């Protein structure tokens, strides 16, 4: 977790952006790892993305139940699809 006022490293900023893009990663997970509130993540995304990419992202995450733990189905306890990181045989 970052200390208040501590600047983010480029690697941390990249990871936060990646987590924000992921549909199944809730804002609460970003807050727990990096100490950034949803509004600070939105501000970061606005400054890091091109205007059209930011608008697309905002439209996609607005009201999405998987981006907020309070709206999420309680049966979902993981932040990613169980097959997401598995190597699939061809």
Foldseek 3Di string as FASTA:
>chain_A
DDDVPDDDDPVLLVVLLVLLQQLQRAQVNVCVVPVDHPVRSLVSCCVPDDPVVSVVSCVVNVVRQNRHVVSDDPVDDDRDDPCPPPDDDD
